[in-house]
Amino acid sequence: MITKFTKIGDSWGLVFDPAILELFKIDAETKFEVTAKDGRLYIKPIGHEIPQDQFDAALAEINRKHGTTLQRLAE
């Protein structure tokens, strides 16, 4: 999934597709571990592990439905 920061009030946030939120069981109370390594930023929900094949299937579905739009947003 490709996304970009969105202005939210005086702050900035990442907006995720509802399918990702559902897949990881993310809600307003979910905490995240944010780390940086080798010039990359990693965002991991705490306590919500899912099998890799389930994640890959959800990501493929999002890209199938929204790939063109996400690509334009990235540009």
PDB file of N, CA and C in Angstrom:
ATOM      1  N   MET A   1       0.847  -1.171   0.000  1.00  0.00           N
ATOM      2  CA  MET A   1       0.000   0.000   0.000  1.00  0.00           C
ATOM      3  C   MET A   1       0.888   1.228   0.000  1.00  0.00           C
ATOM      4  N   ILE A   2       0.583   2.163  -0.853  1.00  0.00           N
ATOM      5  CA  ILE A   2       1.289   3.435  -0.897  1.00  0.00           C
ATOM      6  C   ILE A   2       0.329   4.500  -0.391  1.00  0.00           C
ATOM      7  N   THR A   3       0.798   5.313   0.535  1.00  0.00           N
ATOM      8  CA  THR A   3      -0.024   6.379   1.090  1.00  0.00           C
ATOM      9  C   THR A   3       0.858   7.594   1.326  1.00  0.00           C
ATOM     10  N   LYS A   4       0.275   8.678   1.752  1.00  0.00           N
ATOM     11  CA  LYS A   4       1.054   9.867   2.085  1.00  0.00           C
ATOM     12  C   LYS A   4       0.448  10.510   3.316  1.00  0.00           C
ATOM     13  N   PHE A   5       1.202  11.400   3.945  1.00  0.00           N
ATOM     14  CA  PHE A   5       0.695  12.089   5.115  1.00  0.00           C
ATOM     15  C   PHE A   5      -0.426  13.042   4.716  1.00  0.00           C
ATOM     16  N   THR A   6      -1.398  13.169   5.611  1.00  0.00           N
ATOM     17  CA  THR A   6      -2.556  14.025   5.416  1.00  0.00           C
ATOM     18  C   THR A   6      -2.630  14.995   6.583  1.00  0.00           C
ATOM     19  N   LYS A   7      -2.931  16.262   6.294  1.00  0.00           N
ATOM     20  CA  LYS A   7      -3.075  17.274   7.339  1.00  0.00           C
ATOM     21  C   LYS A   7      -4.342  16.979   8.133  1.00  0.00           C
ATOM     22  N   ILE A   8      -4.191  16.884   9.458  1.00  0.00           N
ATOM     23  CA  ILE A   8      -5.317  16.630  10.358  1.00  0.00           C
ATOM     24  C   ILE A   8      -5.213  17.660  11.477  1.00  0.00           C
ATOM     25  N   GLY A   9      -5.985  18.741  11.370  1.00  0.00           N
ATOM     26  CA  GLY A   9      -5.874  19.831  12.338  1.00  0.00           C
ATOM     27  C   GLY A   9      -4.501  20.461  12.233  1.00  0.00           C
ATOM     28  N   ASP A  10      -3.787  20.560  13.357  1.00  0.00           N
ATOM     29  CA  ASP A  10      -2.434  21.103  13.364  1.00  0.00           C
ATOM     30  C   ASP A  10      -1.377  20.010  13.228  1.00  0.00           C
ATOM     31  N   SER A  11      -1.807  18.783  13.004  1.00  0.00           N
ATOM     32  CA  SER A  11      -0.893  17.645  12.939  1.00  0.00           C
ATOM     33  C   SER A  11      -0.948  16.997  11.562  1.00  0.00           C
ATOM     34  N   TRP A  12      -0.157  15.954  11.399  1.00  0.00           N
ATOM     35  CA  TRP A  12      -0.139  15.156  10.173  1.00  0.00           C
ATOM     36  C   TRP A  12      -0.371  13.708  10.551  1.00  0.00           C
ATOM     37  N   GLY A  13      -1.067  12.977   9.694  1.00  0.00           N
ATOM     38  CA  GLY A  13      -1.340  11.572   9.979  1.00  0.00           C
ATOM     39  C   GLY A  13      -1.335  10.740   8.713  1.00  0.00           C
ATOM     40  N   LEU A  14      -1.209   9.455   8.889  1.00  0.00           N
ATOM     41  CA  LEU A  14      -1.323   8.511   7.781  1.00  0.00           C
ATOM     42  C   LEU A  14      -2.741   7.968   7.767  1.00  0.00           C
ATOM     43  N   VAL A  15      -3.346   7.935   6.598  1.00  0.00           N
ATOM     44  CA  VAL A  15      -4.705   7.421   6.448  1.00  0.00           C
ATOM     45  C   VAL A  15      -4.599   6.043   5.800  1.00  0.00           C
ATOM     46  N   PHE A  16      -5.216   5.059   6.460  1.00  0.00           N
ATOM     47  CA  PHE A  16      -5.149   3.686   5.971  1.00  0.00           C
ATOM     48  C   PHE A  16      -6.496   3.238   5.438  1.00  0.00           C
ATOM     49  N   ASP A  17      -6.459   2.388   4.441  1.00  0.00           N
ATOM     50  CA  ASP A  17      -7.650   1.785   3.861  1.00  0.00           C
ATOM     51  C   ASP A  17      -8.373   0.981   4.945  1.00  0.00           C
ATOM     52  N   PRO A  18      -9.708   1.032   4.975  1.00  0.00           N
ATOM     53  CA  PRO A  18     -10.463   0.277   5.985  1.00  0.00           C
ATOM     54  C   PRO A  18     -10.132  -1.222   6.008  1.00  0.00           C
ATOM     55  N   ALA A  19      -9.763  -1.795   4.866  1.00  0.00           N
ATOM     56  CA  ALA A  19      -9.423  -3.223   4.832  1.00  0.00           C
ATOM     57  C   ALA A  19      -8.183  -3.514   5.679  1.00  0.00           C
ATOM     58  N   ILE A  20      -7.219  -2.611   5.670  1.00  0.00           N
ATOM     59  CA  ILE A  20      -6.018  -2.783   6.495  1.00  0.00           C
ATOM     60  C   ILE A  20      -6.387  -2.673   7.972  1.00  0.00           C
ATOM     61  N   LEU A  21      -7.220  -1.686   8.303  1.00  0.00           N
ATOM     62  CA  LEU A  21      -7.638  -1.515   9.697  1.00  0.00           C
ATOM     63  C   LEU A  21      -8.364  -2.759  10.198  1.00  0.00           C
ATOM     64  N   GLU A  22      -9.235  -3.306   9.373  1.00  0.00           N
ATOM     65  CA  GLU A  22      -9.982  -4.507   9.747  1.00  0.00           C
ATOM     66  C   GLU A  22      -9.058  -5.711   9.872  1.00  0.00           C
ATOM     67  N   LEU A  23      -8.158  -5.863   8.925  1.00  0.00           N
ATOM     68  CA  LEU A  23      -7.242  -7.000   8.917  1.00  0.00           C
ATOM     69  C   LEU A  23      -6.406  -7.042  10.191  1.00  0.00           C
ATOM     70  N   PHE A  24      -5.906  -5.897  10.610  1.00  0.00           N
ATOM     71  CA  PHE A  24      -5.065  -5.837  11.805  1.00  0.00           C
ATOM     72  C   PHE A  24      -5.860  -5.578  13.079  1.00  0.00           C
ATOM     73  N   LYS A  25      -7.180  -5.484  12.945  1.00  0.00           N
ATOM     74  CA  LYS A  25      -8.051  -5.192  14.090  1.00  0.00           C
ATOM     75  C   LYS A  25      -7.620  -3.904  14.788  1.00  0.00           C
ATOM     76  N   ILE A  26      -7.355  -2.879  13.972  1.00  0.00           N
ATOM     77  CA  ILE A  26      -6.913  -1.576  14.476  1.00  0.00           C
ATOM     78  C   ILE A  26      -8.141  -0.708  14.739  1.00  0.00           C
ATOM     79  N   ASP A  27      -8.167  -0.106  15.924  1.00  0.00           N
ATOM     80  CA  ASP A  27      -9.217   0.855  16.239  1.00  0.00           C
ATOM     81  C   ASP A  27      -8.569   2.069  16.906  1.00  0.00           C
ATOM     82  N   ALA A  28      -9.381   2.965  17.419  1.00  0.00           N
ATOM     83  CA  ALA A  28      -8.871   4.209  18.000  1.00  0.00           C
ATOM     84  C   ALA A  28      -8.007   3.972  19.233  1.00  0.00           C
ATOM     85  N   GLU A  29      -8.121   2.793  19.849  1.00  0.00           N
ATOM     86  CA  GLU A  29      -7.351   2.491  21.066  1.00  0.00           C
ATOM     87  C   GLU A  29      -6.037   1.757  20.785  1.00  0.00           C
ATOM     88  N   THR A  30      -5.808   1.360  19.540  1.00  0.00           N
ATOM     89  CA  THR A  30      -4.621   0.585  19.189  1.00  0.00           C
ATOM     90  C   THR A  30      -3.359   1.426  19.364  1.00  0.00           C
ATOM     91  N   LYS A  31      -2.359   0.836  20.013  1.00  0.00           N
ATOM     92  CA  LYS A  31      -1.050   1.476  20.157  1.00  0.00           C
ATOM     93  C   LYS A  31      -0.115   0.904  19.098  1.00  0.00           C
ATOM     94  N   PHE A  32       0.885   1.711  18.726  1.00  0.00           N
ATOM     95  CA  PHE A  32       1.819   1.319  17.687  1.00  0.00           C
ATOM     96  C   PHE A  32       3.255   1.457  18.162  1.00  0.00           C
ATOM     97  N   GLU A  33       4.093   0.583  17.655  1.00  0.00           N
ATOM     98  CA  GLU A  33       5.529   0.704  17.836  1.00  0.00           C
ATOM     99  C   GLU A  33       6.067   1.351  16.561  1.00  0.00           C
ATOM    100  N   VAL A  34       6.742   2.478  16.689  1.00  0.00           N
ATOM    101  CA  VAL A  34       7.302   3.180  15.535  1.00  0.00           C
ATOM    102  C   VAL A  34       8.822   3.138  15.675  1.00  0.00           C
ATOM    103  N   THR A  35       9.493   2.585  14.659  1.00  0.00           N
ATOM    104  CA  THR A  35      10.948   2.493  14.677  1.00  0.00           C
ATOM    105  C   THR A  35      11.510   2.966  13.340  1.00  0.00           C
ATOM    106  N   ALA A  36      12.764   3.340  13.375  1.00  0.00           N
ATOM    107  CA  ALA A  36      13.474   3.749  12.156  1.00  0.00           C
ATOM    108  C   ALA A  36      14.719   2.880  12.029  1.00  0.00           C
ATOM    109  N   LYS A  37      14.957   2.380  10.829  1.00  0.00           N
ATOM    110  CA  LYS A  37      16.123   1.540  10.584  1.00  0.00           C
ATOM    111  C   LYS A  37      16.515   1.663   9.125  1.00  0.00           C
ATOM    112  N   ASP A  38      17.777   1.898   8.891  1.00  0.00           N
ATOM    113  CA  ASP A  38      18.318   1.974   7.523  1.00  0.00           C
ATOM    114  C   ASP A  38      17.546   2.962   6.662  1.00  0.00           C
ATOM    115  N   GLY A  39      17.176   4.112   7.238  1.00  0.00           N
ATOM    116  CA  GLY A  39      16.474   5.139   6.488  1.00  0.00           C
ATOM    117  C   GLY A  39      15.012   4.850   6.212  1.00  0.00           C
ATOM    118  N   ARG A  40      14.460   3.874   6.907  1.00  0.00           N
ATOM    119  CA  ARG A  40      13.053   3.519   6.719  1.00  0.00           C
ATOM    120  C   ARG A  40      12.306   3.668   8.030  1.00  0.00           C
ATOM    121  N   LEU A  41      11.030   3.963   7.931  1.00  0.00           N
ATOM    122  CA  LEU A  41      10.157   4.097   9.082  1.00  0.00           C
ATOM    123  C   LEU A  41       9.235   2.888   9.131  1.00  0.00           C
ATOM    124  N   TYR A  42       9.187   2.217  10.275  1.00  0.00           N
ATOM    125  CA  TYR A  42       8.349   1.042  10.447  1.00  0.00           C
ATOM    126  C   TYR A  42       7.269   1.343  11.477  1.00  0.00           C
ATOM    127  N   ILE A  43       6.021   1.021  11.151  1.00  0.00           N
ATOM    128  CA  ILE A  43       4.890   1.243  12.034  1.00  0.00           C
ATOM    129  C   ILE A  43       4.231  -0.119  12.262  1.00  0.00           C
ATOM    130  N   LYS A  44       4.222  -0.563  13.519  1.00  0.00           N
ATOM    131  CA  LYS A  44       3.715  -1.897  13.835  1.00  0.00           C
ATOM    132  C   LYS A  44       2.679  -1.807  14.945  1.00  0.00           C
ATOM    133  N   PRO A  45       1.436  -2.254  14.683  1.00  0.00           N
ATOM    134  CA  PRO A  45       0.451  -2.284  15.758  1.00  0.00           C
ATOM    135  C   PRO A  45       0.900  -3.288  16.820  1.00  0.00           C
ATOM    136  N   ILE A  46       0.731  -2.939  18.060  1.00  0.00           N
ATOM    137  CA  ILE A  46       1.152  -3.797  19.161  1.00  0.00           C
ATOM    138  C   ILE A  46       0.039  -4.785  19.486  1.00  0.00           C
ATOM    139  N   GLY A  47       0.398  -6.081  19.520  1.00  0.00           N
ATOM    140  CA  GLY A  47      -0.544  -7.115  19.925  1.00  0.00           C
ATOM    141  C   GLY A  47      -1.505  -7.573  18.847  1.00  0.00           C
ATOM    142  N   HIS A  48      -1.221  -7.266  17.596  1.00  0.00           N
ATOM    143  CA  HIS A  48      -2.137  -7.645  16.515  1.00  0.00           C
ATOM    144  C   HIS A  48      -1.366  -8.342  15.387  1.00  0.00           C
ATOM    145  N   GLU A  49      -0.810  -9.494  15.679  1.00  0.00           N
ATOM    146  CA  GLU A  49      -0.061 -10.237  14.671  1.00  0.00           C
ATOM    147  C   GLU A  49      -1.028 -11.026  13.778  1.00  0.00           C
ATOM    148  N   ILE A  50      -0.721 -11.056  12.479  1.00  0.00           N
ATOM    149  CA  ILE A  50      -1.524 -11.848  11.541  1.00  0.00           C
ATOM    150  C   ILE A  50      -0.585 -12.705  10.705  1.00  0.00           C
ATOM    151  N   PRO A  51      -1.071 -13.832  10.188  1.00  0.00           N
ATOM    152  CA  PRO A  51      -0.237 -14.680   9.329  1.00  0.00           C
ATOM    153  C   PRO A  51       0.143 -13.937   8.045  1.00  0.00           C
ATOM    154  N   GLN A  52       1.353 -14.169   7.560  1.00  0.00           N
ATOM    155  CA  GLN A  52       1.862 -13.483   6.373  1.00  0.00           C
ATOM    156  C   GLN A  52       0.971 -13.718   5.159  1.00  0.00           C
ATOM    157  N   ASP A  53       0.456 -14.935   4.967  1.00  0.00           N
ATOM    158  CA  ASP A  53      -0.375 -15.204   3.796  1.00  0.00           C
ATOM    159  C   ASP A  53      -1.683 -14.410   3.846  1.00  0.00           C
ATOM    160  N   GLN A  54      -2.223 -14.215   5.029  1.00  0.00           N
ATOM    161  CA  GLN A  54      -3.442 -13.418   5.184  1.00  0.00           C
ATOM    162  C   GLN A  54      -3.153 -11.950   4.865  1.00  0.00           C
ATOM    163  N   PHE A  55      -2.010 -11.459   5.318  1.00  0.00           N
ATOM    164  CA  PHE A  55      -1.609 -10.098   5.020  1.00  0.00           C
ATOM    165  C   PHE A  55      -1.411  -9.915   3.512  1.00  0.00           C
ATOM    166  N   ASP A  56      -0.696 -10.837   2.877  1.00  0.00           N
ATOM    167  CA  ASP A  56      -0.428 -10.747   1.443  1.00  0.00           C
ATOM    168  C   ASP A  56      -1.721 -10.737   0.629  1.00  0.00           C
ATOM    169  N   ALA A  57      -2.697 -11.550   1.026  1.00  0.00           N
ATOM    170  CA  ALA A  57      -3.980 -11.599   0.324  1.00  0.00           C
ATOM    171  C   ALA A  57      -4.721 -10.267   0.455  1.00  0.00           C
ATOM    172  N   ALA A  58      -4.719  -9.687   1.652  1.00  0.00           N
ATOM    173  CA  ALA A  58      -5.391  -8.397   1.861  1.00  0.00           C
ATOM    174  C   ALA A  58      -4.710  -7.292   1.074  1.00  0.00           C
ATOM    175  N   LEU A  59      -3.385  -7.281   1.068  1.00  0.00           N
ATOM    176  CA  LEU A  59      -2.644  -6.274   0.323  1.00  0.00           C
ATOM    177  C   LEU A  59      -2.912  -6.403  -1.182  1.00  0.00           C
ATOM    178  N   ALA A  60      -2.954  -7.618  -1.693  1.00  0.00           N
ATOM    179  CA  ALA A  60      -3.259  -7.843  -3.110  1.00  0.00           C
ATOM    180  C   ALA A  60      -4.646  -7.320  -3.452  1.00  0.00           C
ATOM    181  N   GLU A  61      -5.617  -7.528  -2.562  1.00  0.00           N
ATOM    182  CA  GLU A  61      -6.983  -7.047  -2.799  1.00  0.00           C
ATOM    183  C   GLU A  61      -7.029  -5.515  -2.822  1.00  0.00           C
ATOM    184  N   ILE A  62      -6.330  -4.886  -1.910  1.00  0.00           N
ATOM    185  CA  ILE A  62      -6.282  -3.415  -1.889  1.00  0.00           C
ATOM    186  C   ILE A  62      -5.639  -2.898  -3.169  1.00  0.00           C
ATOM    187  N   ASN A  63      -4.535  -3.501  -3.575  1.00  0.00           N
ATOM    188  CA  ASN A  63      -3.871  -3.069  -4.804  1.00  0.00           C
ATOM    189  C   ASN A  63      -4.748  -3.309  -6.026  1.00  0.00           C
ATOM    190  N   ARG A  64      -5.516  -4.400  -6.021  1.00  0.00           N
ATOM    191  CA  ARG A  64      -6.418  -4.664  -7.143  1.00  0.00           C
ATOM    192  C   ARG A  64      -7.497  -3.589  -7.224  1.00  0.00           C
ATOM    193  N   LYS A  65      -8.072  -3.253  -6.066  1.00  0.00           N
ATOM    194  CA  LYS A  65      -9.161  -2.276  -6.038  1.00  0.00           C
ATOM    195  C   LYS A  65      -8.676  -0.837  -6.217  1.00  0.00           C
ATOM    196  N   HIS A  66      -7.550  -0.505  -5.603  1.00  0.00           N
ATOM    197  CA  HIS A  66      -7.154   0.896  -5.504  1.00  0.00           C
ATOM    198  C   HIS A  66      -5.748   1.194  -6.047  1.00  0.00           C
ATOM    199  N   GLY A  67      -5.155   0.237  -6.729  1.00  0.00           N
ATOM    200  CA  GLY A  67      -3.777   0.393  -7.196  1.00  0.00           C
ATOM    201  C   GLY A  67      -3.538   1.636  -8.024  1.00  0.00           C
ATOM    202  N   THR A  68      -4.405   1.914  -8.977  1.00  0.00           N
ATOM    203  CA  THR A  68      -4.238   3.085  -9.844  1.00  0.00           C
ATOM    204  C   THR A  68      -4.319   4.375  -9.033  1.00  0.00           C
ATOM    205  N   THR A  69      -5.289   4.467  -8.161  1.00  0.00           N
ATOM    206  CA  THR A  69      -5.450   5.659  -7.332  1.00  0.00           C
ATOM    207  C   THR A  69      -4.250   5.831  -6.402  1.00  0.00           C
ATOM    208  N   LEU A  70      -3.813   4.750  -5.774  1.00  0.00           N
ATOM    209  CA  LEU A  70      -2.667   4.833  -4.873  1.00  0.00           C
ATOM    210  C   LEU A  70      -1.402   5.254  -5.615  1.00  0.00           C
ATOM    211  N   GLN A  71      -1.237   4.763  -6.823  1.00  0.00           N
ATOM    212  CA  GLN A  71      -0.072   5.142  -7.627  1.00  0.00           C
ATOM    213  C   GLN A  71      -0.100   6.632  -7.952  1.00  0.00           C
ATOM    214  N   ARG A  72      -1.274   7.149  -8.316  1.00  0.00           N
ATOM    215  CA  ARG A  72      -1.396   8.602  -8.605  1.00  0.00           C
ATOM    216  C   ARG A  72      -1.123   9.417  -7.360  1.00  0.00           C
ATOM    217  N   LEU A  73      -1.583   8.960  -6.199  1.00  0.00           N
ATOM    218  CA  LEU A  73      -1.306   9.678  -4.954  1.00  0.00           C
ATOM    219  C   LEU A  73       0.199   9.718  -4.662  1.00  0.00           C
ATOM    220  N   ALA A  74       0.879   8.629  -4.972  1.00  0.00           N
ATOM    221  CA  ALA A  74       2.302   8.560  -4.705  1.00  0.00           C
ATOM    222  C   ALA A  74       3.096   9.514  -5.587  1.00  0.00           C
ATOM    223  N   GLU A  75       2.573   9.805  -6.751  1.00  0.00           N
ATOM    224  CA  GLU A  75       3.265  10.713  -7.675  1.00  0.00           C
ATOM    225  C   GLU A  75       3.031  12.127  -7.249  1.00  0.00           C
TER     226      GLU A  75
END
